[in-house]
């Protein structure tokens, strides 16, 4: 009888061990799948940002070439007018006299958009606000072990956090979302690639690449 009971105990123990090992193996496999999925999501998001950055860099180069052409045209126009007026002024004097103008332009998707000093400041605010909100959203998703995805976030979709009259809403939304994507990546991956002070503000160089705003 004791032998039979011992066998039952051993069988139950073996079954328990098998069940434990099986459950542990399943849990490990699930964790590995989750880790693989997060890595895939991170890589996909990084590719999207790189592609967008390449597009921005291309637009920036086009904008700079256009700025040079416009500057040459502006000087040629001034020279003709100056010659008609007797050639008394200088180009440097003309630029100094017009240095305090309040005209800005943003080059995006092959076209210029004009704005004033307030509009320029609001667009800078859009990128920074987007970065900060994105950083916070990325941190939350990371802590909650959610998949890395910014485009399902309500702040990202609305793109209007911090919006004020003075600039076109669609322009504000575009630049807010550009900042949000980069902030989300920094927050989700606990890094400061695009910003500083743990989500405090986007780096000036990145802001310049995204916004590409010029006074004229």
N, C-alpha and C. Protein backbone atom coordinates (compact mmCIF):
# COMPACT_ATOMS: atom_id res chain seq x y z
N UNK A 1 0.83 -1.21 0.00
CA UNK A 1 0.00 0.00 0.00
C UNK A 1 0.86 1.26 0.00
N UNK A 2 1.92 1.21 0.90
CA UNK A 2 2.82 2.37 0.96
C UNK A 2 3.51 2.58 -0.37
N UNK A 3 3.85 1.49 -1.05
CA UNK A 3 4.50 1.58 -2.35
C UNK A 3 3.58 2.24 -3.36
N UNK A 4 2.28 1.90 -3.30
CA UNK A 4 1.32 2.48 -4.23
C UNK A 4 1.16 3.97 -3.98
N UNK A 5 1.08 4.32 -2.70
CA UNK A 5 0.97 5.75 -2.37
C UNK A 5 2.20 6.52 -2.82
N UNK A 6 3.36 5.91 -2.64
CA UNK A 6 4.61 6.56 -3.06
C UNK A 6 4.60 6.80 -4.56
N UNK A 7 4.12 5.79 -5.30
CA UNK A 7 4.07 5.94 -6.75
C UNK A 7 3.12 7.06 -7.15
N UNK A 8 1.97 7.13 -6.42
CA UNK A 8 1.02 8.20 -6.72
C UNK A 8 1.64 9.57 -6.46
N UNK A 9 2.36 9.66 -5.34
CA UNK A 9 3.01 10.94 -5.00
C UNK A 9 4.03 11.30 -6.06
N UNK A 10 4.83 10.33 -6.47
CA UNK A 10 5.86 10.59 -7.47
C UNK A 10 5.25 10.98 -8.80
N UNK A 11 4.13 10.28 -9.15
CA UNK A 11 3.46 10.61 -10.42
C UNK A 11 2.90 12.03 -10.37
N UNK A 12 2.28 12.38 -9.26
CA UNK A 12 1.71 13.73 -9.12
C UNK A 12 2.82 14.78 -9.16
N UNK A 13 3.94 14.47 -8.52
CA UNK A 13 5.06 15.41 -8.52
C UNK A 13 5.60 15.61 -9.93
N UNK A 14 5.72 14.48 -10.62
CA UNK A 14 6.23 14.56 -12.00
C UNK A 14 5.29 15.36 -12.87
N UNK A 15 3.99 15.11 -12.71
CA UNK A 15 3.01 15.87 -13.49
C UNK A 15 3.07 17.36 -13.15
N UNK A 16 3.23 17.64 -11.87
CA UNK A 16 3.34 19.04 -11.44
C UNK A 16 4.57 19.71 -12.02
N UNK A 17 5.67 18.96 -12.03
CA UNK A 17 6.91 19.51 -12.59
C UNK A 17 6.77 19.76 -14.08
N UNK A 18 6.15 18.81 -14.78
CA UNK A 18 5.94 18.97 -16.22
C UNK A 18 5.06 20.17 -16.49
N UNK A 19 3.98 20.28 -15.68
CA UNK A 19 3.07 21.42 -15.86
C UNK A 19 3.80 22.74 -15.61
N UNK A 20 4.61 22.77 -14.53
CA UNK A 20 5.37 23.98 -14.20
C UNK A 20 6.34 24.34 -15.31
N UNK A 21 7.07 23.33 -15.78
CA UNK A 21 8.04 23.59 -16.84
C UNK A 21 7.34 24.03 -18.12
N UNK A 22 6.21 23.39 -18.41
CA UNK A 22 5.46 23.77 -19.61
C UNK A 22 4.96 25.19 -19.53
N UNK A 23 4.40 25.55 -18.35
CA UNK A 23 3.90 26.92 -18.16
C UNK A 23 5.03 27.93 -18.25
N UNK A 24 6.18 27.58 -17.63
CA UNK A 24 7.33 28.48 -17.67
C UNK A 24 7.83 28.65 -19.10
N UNK A 25 7.85 27.55 -19.85
CA UNK A 25 8.31 27.63 -21.24
C UNK A 25 7.38 28.48 -22.08
N UNK A 26 6.08 28.32 -21.86
CA UNK A 26 5.10 29.14 -22.60
C UNK A 26 5.27 30.61 -22.27
N UNK A 27 5.46 30.90 -20.97
CA UNK A 27 5.64 32.30 -20.55
C UNK A 27 6.90 32.90 -21.16
N UNK A 28 7.99 32.10 -21.15
CA UNK A 28 9.24 32.58 -21.76
C UNK A 28 9.05 32.83 -23.25
N UNK A 29 8.35 31.93 -23.91
CA UNK A 29 8.12 32.09 -25.36
C UNK A 29 7.29 33.34 -25.63
N UNK A 30 6.29 33.60 -24.77
CA UNK A 30 5.45 34.79 -24.94
C UNK A 30 6.27 36.06 -24.74
N UNK A 31 7.12 36.04 -23.71
CA UNK A 31 7.99 37.21 -23.47
C UNK A 31 8.92 37.44 -24.65
N UNK A 32 9.46 36.35 -25.19
CA UNK A 32 10.35 36.49 -26.34
C UNK A 32 9.60 37.06 -27.54
N UNK A 33 8.35 36.59 -27.74
CA UNK A 33 7.55 37.13 -28.84
C UNK A 33 7.25 38.61 -28.64
N UNK A 34 6.94 38.98 -27.38
CA UNK A 34 6.68 40.39 -27.08
C UNK A 34 7.91 41.25 -27.33
N UNK A 35 9.08 40.73 -26.90
CA UNK A 35 10.32 41.46 -27.12
C UNK A 35 10.62 41.61 -28.61
N UNK A 36 10.41 40.52 -29.36
CA UNK A 36 10.64 40.57 -30.81
C UNK A 36 9.70 41.57 -31.47
N UNK A 37 8.43 41.59 -31.02
CA UNK A 37 7.46 42.50 -31.61
C UNK A 37 7.84 43.95 -31.30
N UNK A 38 8.30 44.20 -30.06
CA UNK A 38 8.71 45.57 -29.71
C UNK A 38 9.91 46.00 -30.55
N UNK A 39 10.86 45.07 -30.73
CA UNK A 39 12.02 45.41 -31.56
C UNK A 39 11.60 45.71 -32.99
N UNK A 40 10.69 44.90 -33.52
CA UNK A 40 10.20 45.14 -34.88
C UNK A 40 9.50 46.48 -34.97
N UNK A 41 8.68 46.80 -33.96
CA UNK A 41 7.98 48.08 -33.94
C UNK A 41 8.97 49.24 -33.88
N UNK A 42 9.98 49.10 -33.02
CA UNK A 42 10.98 50.16 -32.89
C UNK A 42 11.72 50.37 -34.21
N UNK A 43 12.10 49.27 -34.85
CA UNK A 43 12.82 49.37 -36.12
C UNK A 43 11.95 50.00 -37.20
N UNK A 44 10.66 49.62 -37.22
CA UNK A 44 9.74 50.19 -38.20
C UNK A 44 9.55 51.69 -37.95
N UNK A 45 9.39 52.06 -36.70
CA UNK A 45 9.22 53.48 -36.38
C UNK A 45 10.48 54.28 -36.71
N UNK A 46 11.63 53.67 -36.45
CA UNK A 46 12.89 54.34 -36.77
C UNK A 46 13.00 54.56 -38.28
N UNK A 47 12.58 53.57 -39.06
CA UNK A 47 12.63 53.72 -40.52
C UNK A 47 11.71 54.85 -40.98
N UNK A 48 10.53 54.93 -40.37
CA UNK A 48 9.60 56.01 -40.73
C UNK A 48 10.22 57.37 -40.45
N UNK A 49 10.83 57.50 -39.29
CA UNK A 49 11.45 58.79 -38.92
C UNK A 49 12.61 59.11 -39.84
N UNK A 50 13.43 58.09 -40.16
CA UNK A 50 14.55 58.33 -41.07
C UNK A 50 14.05 58.79 -42.43
N UNK A 51 13.00 58.13 -42.92
CA UNK A 51 12.45 58.53 -44.23
C UNK A 51 11.91 59.94 -44.19
N UNK A 52 11.23 60.28 -43.09
CA UNK A 52 10.71 61.64 -42.96
C UNK A 52 11.84 62.65 -42.85
N UNK A 53 12.91 62.26 -42.12
CA UNK A 53 14.04 63.17 -41.98
C UNK A 53 14.74 63.39 -43.31
N UNK A 54 14.86 62.33 -44.09
CA UNK A 54 15.46 62.46 -45.42
C UNK A 54 14.62 63.38 -46.30
N UNK A 55 13.29 63.25 -46.18
CA UNK A 55 12.40 64.12 -46.94
C UNK A 55 12.56 65.57 -46.50
N UNK A 56 12.65 65.77 -45.19
CA UNK A 56 12.84 67.12 -44.65
C UNK A 56 14.17 67.70 -45.12
N UNK A 57 15.23 66.88 -45.07
CA UNK A 57 16.55 67.35 -45.51
C UNK A 57 16.52 67.74 -46.99
N UNK A 58 15.82 66.94 -47.79
CA UNK A 58 15.71 67.26 -49.22
C UNK A 58 14.95 68.56 -49.42
N UNK A 59 13.85 68.71 -48.68
CA UNK A 59 13.09 69.95 -48.78
C UNK A 59 13.92 71.15 -48.31
N UNK A 60 14.72 70.92 -47.29
CA UNK A 60 15.56 72.01 -46.78
C UNK A 60 16.58 72.43 -47.82
N UNK A 61 17.19 71.45 -48.50
CA UNK A 61 18.16 71.78 -49.54
C UNK A 61 17.48 72.53 -50.69
N UNK A 62 16.27 72.09 -51.05
CA UNK A 62 15.53 72.78 -52.10
C UNK A 62 15.18 74.20 -51.68
N UNK A 63 14.80 74.34 -50.41
CA UNK A 63 14.45 75.66 -49.90
C UNK A 63 15.66 76.59 -49.91
N UNK A 64 16.82 76.05 -49.55
CA UNK A 64 18.03 76.87 -49.54
C UNK A 64 18.40 77.30 -50.94
N UNK A 65 18.28 76.38 -51.90
CA UNK A 65 18.57 76.74 -53.29
C UNK A 65 17.59 77.80 -53.78
N UNK A 66 16.32 77.65 -53.39
CA UNK A 66 15.32 78.64 -53.77
C UNK A 66 15.61 79.99 -53.10
N UNK A 67 16.05 79.94 -51.83
CA UNK A 67 16.38 81.18 -51.12
C UNK A 67 17.52 81.92 -51.82
N UNK A 68 18.53 81.17 -52.26
CA UNK A 68 19.66 81.79 -52.96
C UNK A 68 19.20 82.43 -54.26
N UNK A 69 18.35 81.72 -55.00
CA UNK A 69 17.84 82.29 -56.26
C UNK A 69 17.03 83.55 -56.00
N UNK A 70 16.19 83.52 -54.98
CA UNK A 70 15.37 84.69 -54.66
C UNK A 70 16.23 85.85 -54.18
N UNK A 71 17.28 85.54 -53.43
CA UNK A 71 18.18 86.59 -52.97
C UNK A 71 18.91 87.23 -54.15
N UNK A 72 19.33 86.40 -55.10
CA UNK A 72 19.98 86.94 -56.30
C UNK A 72 19.02 87.82 -57.08
N UNK A 73 17.78 87.37 -57.20
CA UNK A 73 16.78 88.16 -57.91
C UNK A 73 16.50 89.46 -57.18
N UNK A 74 16.42 89.40 -55.87
CA UNK A 74 16.17 90.60 -55.07
C UNK A 74 17.30 91.61 -55.24
N UNK A 75 18.54 91.11 -55.28
CA UNK A 75 19.67 92.02 -55.45
C UNK A 75 19.68 92.62 -56.85
N UNK A 76 19.38 91.80 -57.85
CA UNK A 76 19.33 92.33 -59.21
C UNK A 76 18.27 93.42 -59.35
N UNK A 77 17.11 93.17 -58.71
CA UNK A 77 16.04 94.18 -58.74
C UNK A 77 16.49 95.45 -58.05
N UNK A 78 17.13 95.30 -56.91
CA UNK A 78 17.63 96.49 -56.18
C UNK A 78 18.67 97.24 -57.01
N UNK A 79 19.58 96.52 -57.66
CA UNK A 79 20.63 97.17 -58.44
C UNK A 79 20.04 98.00 -59.58
N UNK A 80 19.01 97.46 -60.24
CA UNK A 80 18.36 98.22 -61.32
C UNK A 80 17.71 99.49 -60.77
N UNK A 81 17.02 99.35 -59.64
CA UNK A 81 16.37 100.52 -59.06
C UNK A 81 17.40 101.53 -58.55
N UNK A 82 18.46 101.01 -57.98
CA UNK A 82 19.50 101.90 -57.45
C UNK A 82 20.20 102.66 -58.57
N UNK A 83 20.42 101.98 -59.70
CA UNK A 83 21.05 102.65 -60.85
C UNK A 83 20.15 103.75 -61.40
N UNK A 84 18.84 103.49 -61.42
CA UNK A 84 17.91 104.51 -61.89
C UNK A 84 17.89 105.73 -60.96
N UNK A 85 18.18 105.46 -59.67
CA UNK A 85 18.19 106.55 -58.69
C UNK A 85 19.55 107.22 -58.55
N UNK A 86 20.46 106.90 -59.44
CA UNK A 86 21.77 107.55 -59.41
C UNK A 86 22.86 106.77 -58.74
N UNK A 87 22.57 105.56 -58.29
CA UNK A 87 23.60 104.71 -57.70
C UNK A 87 24.18 105.24 -56.41
N UNK A 88 23.34 105.83 -55.55
CA UNK A 88 23.88 106.44 -54.31
C UNK A 88 23.92 105.46 -53.14
N UNK A 89 23.05 104.44 -53.15
CA UNK A 89 23.01 103.53 -52.01
C UNK A 89 23.93 102.33 -52.18
N UNK A 90 24.03 101.55 -51.12
CA UNK A 90 24.79 100.30 -51.17
C UNK A 90 23.88 99.15 -50.76
N UNK A 91 24.24 97.96 -51.18
CA UNK A 91 23.45 96.78 -50.85
C UNK A 91 23.41 96.53 -49.34
N UNK A 92 24.54 96.77 -48.68
CA UNK A 92 24.59 96.57 -47.22
C UNK A 92 23.66 97.55 -46.51
N UNK A 93 23.64 98.79 -46.97
CA UNK A 93 22.73 99.78 -46.37
C UNK A 93 21.28 99.34 -46.54
N UNK A 94 20.97 98.86 -47.73
CA UNK A 94 19.59 98.41 -48.01
C UNK A 94 19.19 97.27 -47.08
N UNK A 95 20.09 96.31 -46.88
CA UNK A 95 19.79 95.17 -46.01
C UNK A 95 19.64 95.60 -44.56
N UNK A 96 20.50 96.55 -44.13
CA UNK A 96 20.39 97.02 -42.75
C UNK A 96 19.06 97.73 -42.52
N UNK A 97 18.63 98.49 -43.50
CA UNK A 97 17.37 99.23 -43.37
C UNK A 97 16.16 98.31 -43.33
N UNK A 98 16.32 97.10 -43.85
CA UNK A 98 15.21 96.15 -43.91
C UNK A 98 15.41 94.94 -42.99
N UNK A 99 16.37 95.07 -42.06
CA UNK A 99 16.72 93.94 -41.21
C UNK A 99 15.64 93.62 -40.17
N UNK A 100 14.82 94.61 -39.84
CA UNK A 100 13.85 94.41 -38.76
C UNK A 100 12.44 94.11 -39.28
N UNK A 101 12.37 93.57 -40.48
CA UNK A 101 11.03 93.26 -41.00
C UNK A 101 10.44 92.07 -40.24
N UNK A 102 9.16 91.87 -40.43
CA UNK A 102 8.42 90.87 -39.67
C UNK A 102 7.84 89.81 -40.60
N UNK A 103 8.64 89.41 -41.60
CA UNK A 103 8.14 88.45 -42.57
C UNK A 103 8.95 87.16 -42.50
N UNK A 104 8.23 86.04 -42.41
CA UNK A 104 8.86 84.73 -42.35
C UNK A 104 8.18 83.82 -43.38
N UNK A 105 8.90 82.79 -43.77
CA UNK A 105 8.33 81.81 -44.67
C UNK A 105 8.80 80.42 -44.27
N UNK A 106 7.93 79.46 -44.49
CA UNK A 106 8.22 78.07 -44.19
C UNK A 106 8.10 77.27 -45.48
N UNK A 107 9.10 76.46 -45.76
CA UNK A 107 9.08 75.63 -46.98
C UNK A 107 8.66 74.23 -46.60
N UNK A 108 7.55 73.78 -47.18
CA UNK A 108 7.03 72.45 -46.86
C UNK A 108 6.32 71.88 -48.08
N UNK A 109 6.66 70.64 -48.41
CA UNK A 109 6.00 69.92 -49.51
C UNK A 109 6.02 70.70 -50.82
N UNK A 110 7.16 71.31 -51.10
CA UNK A 110 7.34 71.96 -52.39
C UNK A 110 6.77 73.35 -52.53
N UNK A 111 6.33 73.95 -51.42
CA UNK A 111 5.75 75.30 -51.52
C UNK A 111 6.14 76.12 -50.30
N UNK A 112 6.11 77.45 -50.47
CA UNK A 112 6.38 78.36 -49.36
C UNK A 112 5.07 78.78 -48.70
N UNK A 113 5.12 78.91 -47.37
CA UNK A 113 4.01 79.44 -46.61
C UNK A 113 4.50 80.64 -45.83
N UNK A 114 3.85 81.76 -46.02
CA UNK A 114 4.27 83.00 -45.37
C UNK A 114 3.59 83.16 -44.02
N UNK A 115 4.31 83.77 -43.09
CA UNK A 115 3.75 84.04 -41.78
C UNK A 115 4.49 85.24 -41.18
N UNK A 116 4.12 85.63 -39.97
CA UNK A 116 4.79 86.74 -39.29
C UNK A 116 5.54 86.21 -38.08
N UNK A 117 6.03 87.12 -37.24
CA UNK A 117 6.83 86.71 -36.09
C UNK A 117 6.03 85.83 -35.13
N UNK A 118 4.77 86.20 -34.91
CA UNK A 118 3.92 85.40 -34.01
C UNK A 118 3.69 84.01 -34.60
N UNK A 119 3.43 83.94 -35.90
CA UNK A 119 3.22 82.64 -36.54
C UNK A 119 4.46 81.76 -36.44
N UNK A 120 5.63 82.37 -36.64
CA UNK A 120 6.87 81.62 -36.54
C UNK A 120 7.06 81.05 -35.14
N UNK A 121 6.73 81.86 -34.13
CA UNK A 121 6.87 81.41 -32.75
C UNK A 121 5.88 80.28 -32.44
N UNK A 122 4.66 80.38 -32.98
CA UNK A 122 3.66 79.34 -32.75
C UNK A 122 4.07 78.02 -33.40
N UNK A 123 4.71 78.08 -34.55
CA UNK A 123 5.17 76.85 -35.20
C UNK A 123 6.30 76.21 -34.40
N UNK A 124 7.18 77.04 -33.85
CA UNK A 124 8.23 76.49 -32.97
C UNK A 124 7.59 75.84 -31.75
N UNK A 125 6.58 76.51 -31.22
CA UNK A 125 5.85 75.96 -30.07
C UNK A 125 5.19 74.63 -30.42
N UNK A 126 4.68 74.52 -31.64
CA UNK A 126 4.02 73.29 -32.07
C UNK A 126 4.99 72.11 -32.02
N UNK A 127 6.20 72.31 -32.55
CA UNK A 127 7.19 71.22 -32.56
C UNK A 127 7.57 70.84 -31.13
N UNK A 128 7.81 71.85 -30.30
CA UNK A 128 8.23 71.58 -28.92
C UNK A 128 7.12 70.93 -28.10
N UNK A 129 5.88 71.44 -28.26
CA UNK A 129 4.76 70.84 -27.53
C UNK A 129 4.55 69.40 -27.97
N UNK A 130 4.67 69.17 -29.27
CA UNK A 130 4.54 67.81 -29.78
C UNK A 130 5.60 66.89 -29.20
N UNK A 131 6.83 67.38 -29.15
CA UNK A 131 7.92 66.57 -28.59
C UNK A 131 7.64 66.20 -27.14
N UNK A 132 7.23 67.19 -26.35
CA UNK A 132 6.99 66.95 -24.93
C UNK A 132 5.84 65.97 -24.71
N UNK A 133 4.73 66.17 -25.43
CA UNK A 133 3.60 65.25 -25.28
C UNK A 133 3.94 63.85 -25.78
N UNK A 134 4.70 63.79 -26.86
CA UNK A 134 5.11 62.50 -27.39
C UNK A 134 6.02 61.75 -26.43
N UNK A 135 6.93 62.47 -25.80
CA UNK A 135 7.84 61.85 -24.84
C UNK A 135 7.05 61.21 -23.70
N UNK A 136 6.08 61.95 -23.18
CA UNK A 136 5.26 61.44 -22.08
C UNK A 136 4.45 60.21 -22.52
N UNK A 137 3.89 60.27 -23.72
CA UNK A 137 3.11 59.14 -24.23
C UNK A 137 3.99 57.91 -24.43
N UNK A 138 5.19 58.11 -24.94
CA UNK A 138 6.11 57.00 -25.14
C UNK A 138 6.51 56.34 -23.83
N UNK A 139 6.76 57.16 -22.82
CA UNK A 139 7.09 56.62 -21.50
C UNK A 139 5.94 55.78 -20.94
N UNK A 140 4.71 56.29 -21.08
CA UNK A 140 3.55 55.53 -20.56
C UNK A 140 3.41 54.19 -21.27
N UNK A 141 3.53 54.19 -22.58
CA UNK A 141 3.38 52.95 -23.32
C UNK A 141 4.49 51.96 -22.97
N UNK A 142 5.69 52.46 -22.77
CA UNK A 142 6.80 51.59 -22.39
C UNK A 142 6.55 50.98 -21.01
N UNK A 143 6.13 51.81 -20.07
CA UNK A 143 5.89 51.32 -18.72
C UNK A 143 4.73 50.32 -18.67
N UNK A 144 3.75 50.51 -19.54
CA UNK A 144 2.60 49.61 -19.58
C UNK A 144 2.82 48.43 -20.53
N UNK A 145 4.02 48.35 -21.10
CA UNK A 145 4.39 47.26 -22.01
C UNK A 145 3.46 47.19 -23.21
N UNK A 146 3.06 48.36 -23.70
CA UNK A 146 2.27 48.41 -24.92
C UNK A 146 3.20 48.44 -26.13
N UNK A 147 2.63 48.13 -27.28
CA UNK A 147 3.41 48.20 -28.51
C UNK A 147 3.77 49.64 -28.80
N UNK A 148 4.93 49.81 -29.42
CA UNK A 148 5.40 51.15 -29.77
C UNK A 148 4.65 51.66 -31.00
N UNK A 149 3.73 52.58 -30.78
CA UNK A 149 2.99 53.17 -31.89
C UNK A 149 2.44 54.52 -31.47
N UNK A 150 2.85 55.55 -32.19
CA UNK A 150 2.42 56.90 -31.80
C UNK A 150 1.14 57.32 -32.51
N UNK A 151 0.86 56.76 -33.68
CA UNK A 151 -0.23 57.30 -34.49
C UNK A 151 -1.62 56.91 -33.98
N UNK A 152 -1.70 56.07 -32.93
CA UNK A 152 -2.99 55.79 -32.31
C UNK A 152 -3.27 56.71 -31.12
N UNK A 153 -2.29 57.53 -30.78
CA UNK A 153 -2.45 58.42 -29.64
C UNK A 153 -3.39 59.57 -29.99
N UNK A 154 -4.29 59.91 -29.08
CA UNK A 154 -5.29 60.95 -29.36
C UNK A 154 -4.64 62.32 -29.54
N UNK A 155 -3.58 62.60 -28.77
CA UNK A 155 -2.88 63.88 -28.93
C UNK A 155 -2.26 63.98 -30.31
N UNK A 156 -1.67 62.88 -30.77
CA UNK A 156 -1.05 62.88 -32.09
C UNK A 156 -2.10 63.11 -33.17
N UNK A 157 -3.20 62.38 -33.11
CA UNK A 157 -4.22 62.49 -34.15
C UNK A 157 -4.82 63.90 -34.21
N UNK A 158 -5.06 64.48 -33.04
CA UNK A 158 -5.64 65.83 -33.01
C UNK A 158 -4.61 66.86 -33.46
N UNK A 159 -3.40 66.75 -32.93
CA UNK A 159 -2.32 67.66 -33.30
C UNK A 159 -2.59 69.11 -32.95
N UNK A 160 -3.43 69.35 -31.97
CA UNK A 160 -3.83 70.73 -31.68
C UNK A 160 -3.49 71.17 -30.26
N UNK A 161 -2.77 70.34 -29.52
CA UNK A 161 -2.43 70.71 -28.14
C UNK A 161 -1.60 71.99 -28.15
N UNK A 162 -2.06 73.00 -27.41
CA UNK A 162 -1.34 74.28 -27.34
C UNK A 162 -1.63 75.23 -28.48
N UNK A 163 -2.55 74.85 -29.37
CA UNK A 163 -2.83 75.69 -30.54
C UNK A 163 -3.44 77.03 -30.13
N UNK A 164 -3.01 78.10 -30.80
CA UNK A 164 -3.57 79.43 -30.63
C UNK A 164 -3.75 80.06 -32.00
N UNK A 165 -4.70 80.97 -32.09
CA UNK A 165 -4.89 81.70 -33.34
C UNK A 165 -3.62 82.47 -33.69
N UNK A 166 -3.34 82.54 -34.95
CA UNK A 166 -2.14 83.24 -35.40
C UNK A 166 -1.38 82.47 -36.44
N UNK A 167 -1.77 81.20 -36.63
CA UNK A 167 -1.15 80.36 -37.65
C UNK A 167 -2.20 79.36 -38.12
N UNK A 168 -2.08 78.92 -39.34
CA UNK A 168 -3.03 77.95 -39.89
C UNK A 168 -3.03 76.67 -39.05
N UNK A 169 -4.23 76.17 -38.72
CA UNK A 169 -4.34 74.99 -37.85
C UNK A 169 -3.67 73.76 -38.47
N UNK A 170 -3.81 73.57 -39.78
CA UNK A 170 -3.20 72.40 -40.42
C UNK A 170 -1.68 72.48 -40.36
N UNK A 171 -1.13 73.71 -40.45
CA UNK A 171 0.31 73.88 -40.32
C UNK A 171 0.75 73.51 -38.91
N UNK A 172 0.01 74.01 -37.93
CA UNK A 172 0.34 73.71 -36.54
C UNK A 172 0.29 72.21 -36.30
N UNK A 173 -0.75 71.55 -36.82
CA UNK A 173 -0.91 70.11 -36.63
C UNK A 173 0.27 69.34 -37.22
N UNK A 174 0.68 69.72 -38.43
CA UNK A 174 1.78 69.02 -39.09
C UNK A 174 3.04 69.08 -38.24
N UNK A 175 3.38 70.26 -37.75
CA UNK A 175 4.63 70.40 -37.00
C UNK A 175 4.51 69.82 -35.59
N UNK A 176 3.33 69.87 -35.01
CA UNK A 176 3.11 69.20 -33.72
C UNK A 176 3.37 67.70 -33.88
N UNK A 177 2.85 67.11 -34.93
CA UNK A 177 3.02 65.68 -35.14
C UNK A 177 4.47 65.31 -35.42
N UNK A 178 5.19 66.19 -36.12
CA UNK A 178 6.62 65.94 -36.34
C UNK A 178 7.37 65.88 -35.01
N UNK A 179 7.07 66.80 -34.12
CA UNK A 179 7.69 66.78 -32.80
C UNK A 179 7.24 65.59 -31.97
N UNK A 180 5.95 65.25 -32.08
CA UNK A 180 5.39 64.15 -31.29
C UNK A 180 6.09 62.83 -31.62
N UNK A 181 6.28 62.56 -32.90
CA UNK A 181 6.90 61.30 -33.30
C UNK A 181 8.28 61.15 -32.67
N UNK A 182 9.05 62.21 -32.70
CA UNK A 182 10.41 62.13 -32.17
C UNK A 182 10.41 62.07 -30.64
N UNK A 183 9.50 62.80 -30.02
CA UNK A 183 9.39 62.71 -28.57
C UNK A 183 8.96 61.33 -28.11
N UNK A 184 8.03 60.73 -28.86
CA UNK A 184 7.55 59.40 -28.51
C UNK A 184 8.70 58.40 -28.57
N UNK A 185 9.49 58.46 -29.62
CA UNK A 185 10.61 57.53 -29.74
C UNK A 185 11.60 57.69 -28.59
N UNK A 186 11.88 58.94 -28.21
CA UNK A 186 12.80 59.16 -27.09
C UNK A 186 12.20 58.63 -25.79
N UNK A 187 10.91 58.91 -25.55
CA UNK A 187 10.28 58.46 -24.32
C UNK A 187 10.15 56.96 -24.25
N UNK A 188 9.78 56.33 -25.36
CA UNK A 188 9.58 54.88 -25.38
C UNK A 188 10.89 54.14 -25.18
N UNK A 189 11.97 54.71 -25.70
CA UNK A 189 13.27 54.04 -25.64
C UNK A 189 14.18 54.61 -24.56
N UNK A 190 13.63 55.50 -23.71
CA UNK A 190 14.39 56.08 -22.58
C UNK A 190 15.72 56.66 -23.03
N UNK A 191 15.65 57.60 -23.96
CA UNK A 191 16.86 58.19 -24.52
C UNK A 191 16.62 59.68 -24.79
N UNK A 192 17.66 60.36 -25.25
CA UNK A 192 17.57 61.78 -25.59
C UNK A 192 18.17 62.03 -26.97
N UNK A 193 17.76 61.25 -27.95
CA UNK A 193 18.31 61.39 -29.30
C UNK A 193 17.85 62.69 -29.97
N UNK A 194 16.58 63.04 -29.77
CA UNK A 194 16.02 64.20 -30.43
C UNK A 194 15.79 65.39 -29.49
N UNK A 195 15.90 65.17 -28.21
CA UNK A 195 15.63 66.23 -27.26
C UNK A 195 16.56 66.17 -26.07
N UNK A 196 16.29 66.99 -25.07
CA UNK A 196 17.14 67.06 -23.89
C UNK A 196 16.27 67.13 -22.64
N UNK A 197 16.92 66.94 -21.49
CA UNK A 197 16.26 67.07 -20.19
C UNK A 197 15.04 66.15 -20.06
N UNK A 198 15.20 64.91 -20.54
CA UNK A 198 14.14 63.92 -20.39
C UNK A 198 12.79 64.42 -20.86
N UNK A 199 12.76 64.87 -22.10
CA UNK A 199 11.50 65.30 -22.69
C UNK A 199 11.20 66.77 -22.48
N UNK A 200 12.15 67.52 -21.97
CA UNK A 200 11.90 68.94 -21.71
C UNK A 200 11.73 69.76 -22.97
N UNK A 201 12.59 69.56 -23.93
CA UNK A 201 12.50 70.33 -25.18
C UNK A 201 13.27 69.61 -26.27
N UNK A 202 12.89 69.87 -27.50
CA UNK A 202 13.56 69.26 -28.63
C UNK A 202 14.86 70.00 -28.89
N UNK A 203 15.86 69.30 -29.43
CA UNK A 203 17.15 69.92 -29.70
C UNK A 203 17.00 70.99 -30.77
N UNK A 204 17.77 72.08 -30.62
CA UNK A 204 17.67 73.19 -31.56
C UNK A 204 17.98 72.77 -32.99
N UNK A 205 18.97 71.89 -33.17
CA UNK A 205 19.33 71.44 -34.51
C UNK A 205 18.19 70.65 -35.15
N UNK A 206 17.52 69.82 -34.35
CA UNK A 206 16.39 69.04 -34.87
C UNK A 206 15.22 69.97 -35.18
N UNK A 207 14.99 70.95 -34.32
CA UNK A 207 13.93 71.93 -34.57
C UNK A 207 14.16 72.65 -35.89
N UNK A 208 15.42 73.04 -36.14
CA UNK A 208 15.74 73.72 -37.38
C UNK A 208 15.53 72.85 -38.60
N UNK A 209 15.87 71.56 -38.48
CA UNK A 209 15.68 70.64 -39.60
C UNK A 209 14.21 70.44 -39.92
N UNK A 210 13.40 70.33 -38.88
CA UNK A 210 11.97 70.09 -39.07
C UNK A 210 11.27 71.34 -39.60
N UNK A 211 11.55 72.48 -38.97
CA UNK A 211 10.77 73.68 -39.24
C UNK A 211 11.27 74.43 -40.47
N UNK A 212 12.59 74.59 -40.57
CA UNK A 212 13.18 75.26 -41.73
C UNK A 212 12.48 76.59 -42.03
N UNK A 213 12.42 77.45 -41.01
CA UNK A 213 11.74 78.73 -41.15
C UNK A 213 12.77 79.82 -41.43
N UNK A 214 12.43 80.74 -42.29
CA UNK A 214 13.39 81.77 -42.74
C UNK A 214 12.75 83.15 -42.70
N UNK A 215 13.53 84.12 -42.29
CA UNK A 215 13.09 85.52 -42.35
C UNK A 215 13.50 86.08 -43.70
N UNK A 216 12.67 86.93 -44.27
CA UNK A 216 13.00 87.49 -45.57
C UNK A 216 12.51 88.93 -45.67
